[in-house]
């Protein structure tokens, strides 16, 4: 497995994979990605809350970001959490 890109220090091996995907997206090498991991692997916090906020501030403030979930109720909750996180940061 490659080292964490651009000086990031990830705690677990799955963070290397998430980080590599995020780095590929921000570098423009790929335009979308999917992550399939069991619950409790920091997918929601890392990718669903933090990545859109970073993307809007640093990459493209007018980007349209699609977050999908297993049901509409959870999707609405995540949408609210993303907006709140973006407002705070």
Protein backbone atom coordinates (compact mmCIF):
# COMPACT_ATOMS: atom_id res chain seq x y z
CA UNK A 1 0.00 0.00 0.00
CA UNK A 2 1.23 3.48 -0.85
CA UNK A 3 2.09 6.03 1.79
CA UNK A 4 -0.53 8.61 2.67
CA UNK A 5 -0.53 11.29 -0.06
CA UNK A 6 0.73 14.85 0.44
CA UNK A 7 1.86 14.46 4.04
CA UNK A 8 -1.43 13.24 5.50
CA UNK A 9 -1.16 10.88 8.43
CA UNK A 10 -4.04 8.42 8.57
CA UNK A 11 -4.59 6.17 11.56
CA UNK A 12 -5.86 3.02 9.83
CA UNK A 13 -5.28 1.40 6.42
CA UNK A 14 -8.80 2.20 5.22
CA UNK A 15 -8.01 5.92 5.67
CA UNK A 16 -5.24 5.49 3.08
CA UNK A 17 -7.84 4.34 0.58
CA UNK A 18 -10.29 7.12 1.44
CA UNK A 19 -7.48 9.69 1.35
CA UNK A 20 -6.20 8.43 -2.00
CA UNK A 21 -9.71 8.69 -3.46
CA UNK A 22 -10.13 12.23 -2.14
CA UNK A 23 -6.72 13.27 -3.44
CA UNK A 24 -7.49 11.83 -6.88
CA UNK A 25 -10.75 13.78 -6.94
CA UNK A 26 -9.22 17.08 -5.84
CA UNK A 27 -6.39 16.66 -8.35
CA UNK A 28 -8.94 16.21 -11.14
CA UNK A 29 -7.79 12.67 -11.98
CA UNK A 30 -11.30 11.32 -11.41
CA UNK A 31 -14.63 13.13 -11.18
CA UNK A 32 -16.56 10.86 -8.82
CA UNK A 33 -16.05 8.08 -6.35
CA UNK A 34 -17.90 5.51 -4.27
CA UNK A 35 -16.90 4.11 -0.91
CA UNK A 36 -18.22 0.80 0.34
CA UNK A 37 -17.14 0.00 3.89
CA UNK A 38 -18.91 -1.31 6.98
CA UNK A 39 -20.49 1.08 9.49
CA UNK A 40 -18.12 2.83 11.87
CA UNK A 41 -15.26 3.46 9.45
CA UNK A 42 -15.55 7.29 9.46
CA UNK A 43 -17.09 7.50 6.01
CA UNK A 44 -19.82 9.95 7.02
CA UNK A 45 -17.60 12.37 8.91
CA UNK A 46 -14.70 12.27 6.48
CA UNK A 47 -16.45 12.22 3.13
CA UNK A 48 -20.03 13.36 3.73
CA UNK A 49 -19.44 16.29 6.10
CA UNK A 50 -15.86 17.44 5.64
CA UNK A 51 -15.24 16.86 1.93
CA UNK A 52 -18.14 18.99 0.62
CA UNK A 53 -17.13 21.86 2.91
CA UNK A 54 -13.52 21.64 1.74
CA UNK A 55 -14.63 21.32 -1.88
CA UNK A 56 -16.86 24.39 -1.74
CA UNK A 57 -14.19 26.50 -0.03
CA UNK A 58 -11.04 25.34 -1.81
CA UNK A 59 -11.91 23.70 -5.14
CA UNK A 60 -15.20 24.96 -6.58
CA UNK A 61 -17.62 27.15 -4.61
CA UNK A 62 -20.39 26.54 -7.15
CA UNK A 63 -20.03 22.75 -7.27
CA UNK A 64 -23.12 20.59 -7.01
CA UNK A 65 -22.50 17.66 -4.71
CA UNK A 66 -24.77 14.64 -4.59
CA UNK A 67 -24.93 12.61 -1.39
CA UNK A 68 -26.96 9.42 -1.57
CA UNK A 69 -28.24 7.28 1.27
CA UNK A 70 -30.33 4.24 1.93
CA UNK A 71 -33.50 6.25 2.62
CA UNK A 72 -34.96 9.75 2.28
CA UNK A 73 -35.09 10.48 6.01
CA UNK A 74 -31.37 9.84 6.45
CA UNK A 75 -30.58 11.82 3.28
CA UNK A 76 -32.41 14.86 4.67
CA UNK A 77 -30.59 14.51 8.00
CA UNK A 78 -27.23 14.34 6.23
CA UNK A 79 -28.12 17.37 4.12
CA UNK A 80 -28.87 19.33 7.28
CA UNK A 81 -25.62 18.14 8.92
CA UNK A 82 -23.57 19.11 5.87
CA UNK A 83 -25.07 22.61 5.79
CA UNK A 84 -24.49 23.09 9.52
CA UNK A 85 -20.91 21.82 9.30
CA UNK A 86 -20.22 24.11 6.32
CA UNK A 87 -21.65 27.12 8.21
CA UNK A 88 -19.40 26.41 11.22
CA UNK A 89 -16.28 26.01 9.10
